[in-house]
Amino acid sequence: MRYEVLVGLKIKDSIKYQAYRDAMKPILSEYGGGFSYDFWIKETLKSESEAPIDRVFVIYFKDKDGMNSFFSDVDYLKVKDEFFEPSVEATTIIAEFTRD
């Protein structure tokens, strides 16, 4: 069963965020992961989070262990430090679920 996470972000530097995506995708692929949906959103009508959101996506992994391994990978953490941290203002995990 595939493990998926629905994520909302507030992007503060879209160019640097795209550099993050470009740098992390090969590492994500090594763990059997990818993106199944990805949206820029203009307006949030309702949110249980106080954090603003302007980007929503679904990231998937072969299983939850694969997700945990990816997010603790040393190479990924370097990419996250260099590109994600300075480009993202807020992160909201909306849902985590498994799917066939």
N, C-alpha and C. Protein backbone atom coordinates (compact mmCIF):
# COMPACT_ATOMS: atom_id res chain seq x y z
N MET A 1 0.83 -1.19 0.00
CA MET A 1 0.00 0.00 0.00
C MET A 1 0.88 1.25 0.00
N ARG A 2 0.55 2.16 -0.83
CA ARG A 2 1.29 3.41 -0.94
C ARG A 2 0.94 4.33 0.23
N TYR A 3 1.96 5.01 0.76
CA TYR A 3 1.77 5.96 1.86
C TYR A 3 1.84 7.37 1.29
N GLU A 4 0.82 8.18 1.56
CA GLU A 4 0.73 9.51 0.97
C GLU A 4 0.53 10.57 2.05
N VAL A 5 1.03 11.77 1.77
CA VAL A 5 0.89 12.89 2.70
C VAL A 5 0.39 14.09 1.90
N LEU A 6 -0.70 14.68 2.37
CA LEU A 6 -1.25 15.90 1.80
C LEU A 6 -0.68 17.08 2.58
N VAL A 7 0.04 17.95 1.87
CA VAL A 7 0.82 19.01 2.51
C VAL A 7 0.40 20.38 1.98
N GLY A 8 0.32 21.35 2.89
CA GLY A 8 0.12 22.74 2.50
C GLY A 8 1.34 23.55 2.91
N LEU A 9 1.80 24.43 2.04
CA LEU A 9 2.95 25.27 2.32
C LEU A 9 2.60 26.74 2.08
N LYS A 10 3.33 27.61 2.72
CA LYS A 10 3.36 29.03 2.37
C LYS A 10 4.77 29.29 1.84
N ILE A 11 4.87 29.57 0.55
CA ILE A 11 6.16 29.78 -0.10
C ILE A 11 6.53 31.26 -0.02
N LYS A 12 7.77 31.53 0.40
CA LYS A 12 8.22 32.93 0.41
C LYS A 12 9.24 33.23 -0.68
N ASP A 13 9.81 32.20 -1.31
CA ASP A 13 10.74 32.39 -2.41
C ASP A 13 10.52 31.24 -3.41
N SER A 14 9.73 31.51 -4.44
CA SER A 14 9.34 30.44 -5.36
C SER A 14 10.51 29.93 -6.21
N ILE A 15 11.47 30.77 -6.49
CA ILE A 15 12.64 30.34 -7.27
C ILE A 15 13.49 29.37 -6.45
N LYS A 16 13.75 29.72 -5.21
CA LYS A 16 14.54 28.84 -4.35
C LYS A 16 13.76 27.56 -4.04
N TYR A 17 12.43 27.67 -3.90
CA TYR A 17 11.62 26.48 -3.65
C TYR A 17 11.70 25.53 -4.86
N GLN A 18 11.68 26.07 -6.08
CA GLN A 18 11.81 25.22 -7.26
C GLN A 18 13.18 24.55 -7.29
N ALA A 19 14.21 25.27 -6.86
CA ALA A 19 15.55 24.67 -6.78
C ALA A 19 15.54 23.52 -5.77
N TYR A 20 14.80 23.67 -4.67
CA TYR A 20 14.64 22.59 -3.69
C TYR A 20 14.00 21.38 -4.35
N ARG A 21 12.89 21.60 -5.06
CA ARG A 21 12.19 20.49 -5.71
C ARG A 21 13.11 19.78 -6.69
N ASP A 22 13.85 20.56 -7.49
CA ASP A 22 14.75 19.96 -8.48
C ASP A 22 15.85 19.14 -7.82
N ALA A 23 16.37 19.62 -6.71
CA ALA A 23 17.48 18.93 -6.03
C ALA A 23 17.01 17.71 -5.25
N MET A 24 15.78 17.74 -4.74
CA MET A 24 15.33 16.62 -3.90
C MET A 24 14.67 15.50 -4.68
N LYS A 25 14.20 15.76 -5.89
CA LYS A 25 13.49 14.72 -6.65
C LYS A 25 14.31 13.46 -6.90
N PRO A 26 15.59 13.55 -7.27
CA PRO A 26 16.35 12.30 -7.46
C PRO A 26 16.47 11.49 -6.16
N ILE A 27 16.60 12.17 -5.05
CA ILE A 27 16.69 11.47 -3.75
C ILE A 27 15.34 10.84 -3.44
N LEU A 28 14.26 11.58 -3.66
CA LEU A 28 12.91 11.07 -3.44
C LEU A 28 12.67 9.82 -4.28
N SER A 29 13.11 9.83 -5.52
CA SER A 29 12.94 8.67 -6.41
C SER A 29 13.66 7.44 -5.88
N GLU A 30 14.82 7.65 -5.27
CA GLU A 30 15.57 6.52 -4.69
C GLU A 30 14.76 5.79 -3.62
N TYR A 31 13.84 6.49 -2.98
CA TYR A 31 13.02 5.90 -1.92
C TYR A 31 11.63 5.51 -2.43
N GLY A 32 11.48 5.45 -3.75
CA GLY A 32 10.20 5.04 -4.34
C GLY A 32 9.13 6.10 -4.19
N GLY A 33 9.54 7.36 -4.06
CA GLY A 33 8.57 8.43 -3.85
C GLY A 33 8.38 9.31 -5.06
N GLY A 34 7.37 10.17 -4.95
CA GLY A 34 7.08 11.12 -6.01
C GLY A 34 5.93 12.03 -5.59
N PHE A 35 5.44 12.80 -6.54
CA PHE A 35 4.31 13.70 -6.31
C PHE A 35 3.17 13.27 -7.21
N SER A 36 1.96 13.14 -6.65
CA SER A 36 0.82 12.76 -7.47
C SER A 36 -0.09 13.95 -7.78
N TYR A 37 -0.05 14.98 -6.97
CA TYR A 37 -0.80 16.22 -7.20
C TYR A 37 0.05 17.38 -6.71
N ASP A 38 -0.11 18.54 -7.36
CA ASP A 38 0.67 19.71 -6.97
C ASP A 38 -0.07 20.95 -7.47
N PHE A 39 -0.42 21.87 -6.57
CA PHE A 39 -1.21 23.04 -6.93
C PHE A 39 -0.65 24.31 -6.28
N TRP A 40 -0.69 25.40 -7.02
CA TRP A 40 -0.60 26.73 -6.44
C TRP A 40 -2.04 27.13 -6.17
N ILE A 41 -2.33 27.66 -4.98
CA ILE A 41 -3.70 28.08 -4.70
C ILE A 41 -3.74 29.58 -4.42
N LYS A 42 -4.82 30.18 -4.83
CA LYS A 42 -4.97 31.63 -4.71
C LYS A 42 -5.63 32.04 -3.40
N GLU A 43 -6.57 31.22 -2.95
CA GLU A 43 -7.35 31.61 -1.77
C GLU A 43 -7.68 30.37 -0.94
N THR A 44 -7.52 30.49 0.36
CA THR A 44 -7.92 29.43 1.28
C THR A 44 -9.24 29.85 1.91
N LEU A 45 -10.28 29.08 1.70
CA LEU A 45 -11.60 29.43 2.22
C LEU A 45 -11.81 28.96 3.65
N LYS A 46 -11.19 27.84 4.02
CA LYS A 46 -11.31 27.31 5.38
C LYS A 46 -10.05 26.54 5.68
N SER A 47 -9.54 26.70 6.90
CA SER A 47 -8.35 25.97 7.30
C SER A 47 -8.37 25.77 8.81
N GLU A 48 -7.98 24.61 9.25
CA GLU A 48 -7.84 24.35 10.68
C GLU A 48 -6.49 24.81 11.21
N SER A 49 -5.62 25.24 10.31
CA SER A 49 -4.30 25.72 10.69
C SER A 49 -4.27 27.25 10.62
N GLU A 50 -3.53 27.85 11.51
CA GLU A 50 -3.37 29.30 11.46
C GLU A 50 -2.29 29.70 10.44
N ALA A 51 -1.49 28.75 10.02
CA ALA A 51 -0.43 29.02 9.04
C ALA A 51 -1.06 29.29 7.67
N PRO A 52 -0.58 30.29 6.97
CA PRO A 52 -1.09 30.54 5.62
C PRO A 52 -0.64 29.44 4.66
N ILE A 53 -1.43 29.21 3.60
CA ILE A 53 -1.13 28.16 2.62
C ILE A 53 -1.34 28.74 1.22
N ASP A 54 -0.35 28.55 0.34
CA ASP A 54 -0.52 28.93 -1.06
C ASP A 54 -0.05 27.83 -2.03
N ARG A 55 0.40 26.72 -1.48
CA ARG A 55 0.82 25.58 -2.30
C ARG A 55 0.34 24.31 -1.61
N VAL A 56 -0.29 23.42 -2.37
CA VAL A 56 -0.81 22.16 -1.82
C VAL A 56 -0.35 21.04 -2.74
N PHE A 57 0.11 19.94 -2.15
CA PHE A 57 0.54 18.80 -2.96
C PHE A 57 0.39 17.52 -2.17
N VAL A 58 0.42 16.41 -2.91
CA VAL A 58 0.46 15.07 -2.33
C VAL A 58 1.80 14.47 -2.69
N ILE A 59 2.55 14.10 -1.67
CA ILE A 59 3.82 13.39 -1.85
C ILE A 59 3.58 11.94 -1.43
N TYR A 60 4.12 11.00 -2.20
CA TYR A 60 3.88 9.59 -1.88
C TYR A 60 5.19 8.82 -1.75
N PHE A 61 5.08 7.70 -1.04
CA PHE A 61 6.19 6.78 -0.80
C PHE A 61 5.64 5.36 -0.91
N LYS A 62 6.55 4.40 -1.07
CA LYS A 62 6.09 3.00 -1.16
C LYS A 62 5.46 2.55 0.15
N ASP A 63 5.93 3.12 1.27
CA ASP A 63 5.36 2.83 2.59
C ASP A 63 5.85 3.88 3.58
N LYS A 64 5.35 3.81 4.81
CA LYS A 64 5.71 4.82 5.81
C LYS A 64 7.19 4.75 6.18
N ASP A 65 7.75 3.56 6.21
CA ASP A 65 9.19 3.42 6.49
C ASP A 65 10.03 4.12 5.42
N GLY A 66 9.59 4.01 4.16
CA GLY A 66 10.28 4.70 3.08
C GLY A 66 10.24 6.21 3.26
N MET A 67 9.10 6.72 3.73
CA MET A 67 8.98 8.15 4.00
C MET A 67 9.94 8.57 5.10
N ASN A 68 9.95 7.81 6.19
CA ASN A 68 10.84 8.15 7.31
C ASN A 68 12.30 8.09 6.90
N SER A 69 12.65 7.11 6.09
CA SER A 69 14.03 6.99 5.62
C SER A 69 14.41 8.17 4.73
N PHE A 70 13.49 8.56 3.85
CA PHE A 70 13.76 9.70 2.97
C PHE A 70 14.01 10.97 3.78
N PHE A 71 13.11 11.28 4.71
CA PHE A 71 13.22 12.53 5.46
C PHE A 71 14.40 12.54 6.43
N SER A 72 15.03 11.39 6.69
CA SER A 72 16.22 11.37 7.54
C SER A 72 17.51 11.15 6.73
N ASP A 73 17.39 11.03 5.41
CA ASP A 73 18.55 10.83 4.54
C ASP A 73 19.49 12.04 4.63
N VAL A 74 20.77 11.79 4.79
CA VAL A 74 21.76 12.86 4.96
C VAL A 74 21.79 13.79 3.74
N ASP A 75 21.74 13.23 2.54
CA ASP A 75 21.75 14.06 1.34
C ASP A 75 20.48 14.92 1.26
N TYR A 76 19.34 14.34 1.61
CA TYR A 76 18.10 15.12 1.62
C TYR A 76 18.19 16.26 2.63
N LEU A 77 18.71 15.99 3.81
CA LEU A 77 18.80 17.02 4.84
C LEU A 77 19.67 18.19 4.40
N LYS A 78 20.71 17.93 3.62
CA LYS A 78 21.55 19.01 3.08
C LYS A 78 20.74 19.87 2.10
N VAL A 79 19.97 19.22 1.23
CA VAL A 79 19.13 19.94 0.28
C VAL A 79 18.06 20.75 1.02
N LYS A 80 17.48 20.15 2.03
CA LYS A 80 16.45 20.84 2.82
C LYS A 80 17.03 22.11 3.46
N ASP A 81 18.19 21.97 4.06
CA ASP A 81 18.85 23.11 4.70
C ASP A 81 19.15 24.23 3.71
N GLU A 82 19.66 23.86 2.55
CA GLU A 82 20.09 24.86 1.58
C GLU A 82 18.92 25.55 0.88
N PHE A 83 17.87 24.79 0.54
CA PHE A 83 16.81 25.34 -0.30
C PHE A 83 15.44 25.44 0.37
N PHE A 84 15.03 24.41 1.10
CA PHE A 84 13.68 24.41 1.67
C PHE A 84 13.54 25.44 2.79
N GLU A 85 14.45 25.39 3.74
CA GLU A 85 14.35 26.28 4.90
C GLU A 85 14.26 27.75 4.53
N PRO A 86 15.10 28.25 3.61
CA PRO A 86 15.00 29.67 3.28
C PRO A 86 13.84 30.02 2.34
N SER A 87 13.17 29.02 1.75
CA SER A 87 12.13 29.32 0.76
C SER A 87 10.71 29.12 1.26
N VAL A 88 10.55 28.46 2.40
CA VAL A 88 9.21 28.14 2.91
C VAL A 88 8.97 28.83 4.24
N GLU A 89 7.85 29.54 4.31
CA GLU A 89 7.48 30.25 5.53
C GLU A 89 6.75 29.35 6.52
N ALA A 90 5.88 28.47 6.00
CA ALA A 90 5.07 27.62 6.89
C ALA A 90 4.74 26.31 6.21
N THR A 91 4.65 25.25 7.02
CA THR A 91 4.28 23.92 6.54
C THR A 91 3.11 23.41 7.36
N THR A 92 2.11 22.88 6.67
CA THR A 92 0.95 22.29 7.33
C THR A 92 0.75 20.88 6.78
N ILE A 93 0.81 19.88 7.63
CA ILE A 93 0.48 18.51 7.21
C ILE A 93 -1.04 18.40 7.35
N ILE A 94 -1.72 18.29 6.23
CA ILE A 94 -3.18 18.26 6.23
C ILE A 94 -3.69 16.85 6.52
N ALA A 95 -3.05 15.84 5.92
CA ALA A 95 -3.50 14.46 6.13
C ALA A 95 -2.39 13.50 5.72
N GLU A 96 -2.38 12.32 6.35
CA GLU A 96 -1.52 11.21 5.97
C GLU A 96 -2.42 10.00 5.82
N PHE A 97 -2.19 9.21 4.76
CA PHE A 97 -3.07 8.08 4.51
C PHE A 97 -2.37 7.03 3.64
N THR A 98 -2.92 5.84 3.62
CA THR A 98 -2.46 4.78 2.73
C THR A 98 -3.48 4.58 1.63
N ARG A 99 -2.97 4.14 0.47
CA ARG A 99 -3.85 3.92 -0.67
C ARG A 99 -3.29 2.79 -1.49
N ASP A 100 -4.18 1.97 -2.06
CA ASP A 100 -3.76 0.88 -2.95
C ASP A 100 -3.21 1.42 -4.23
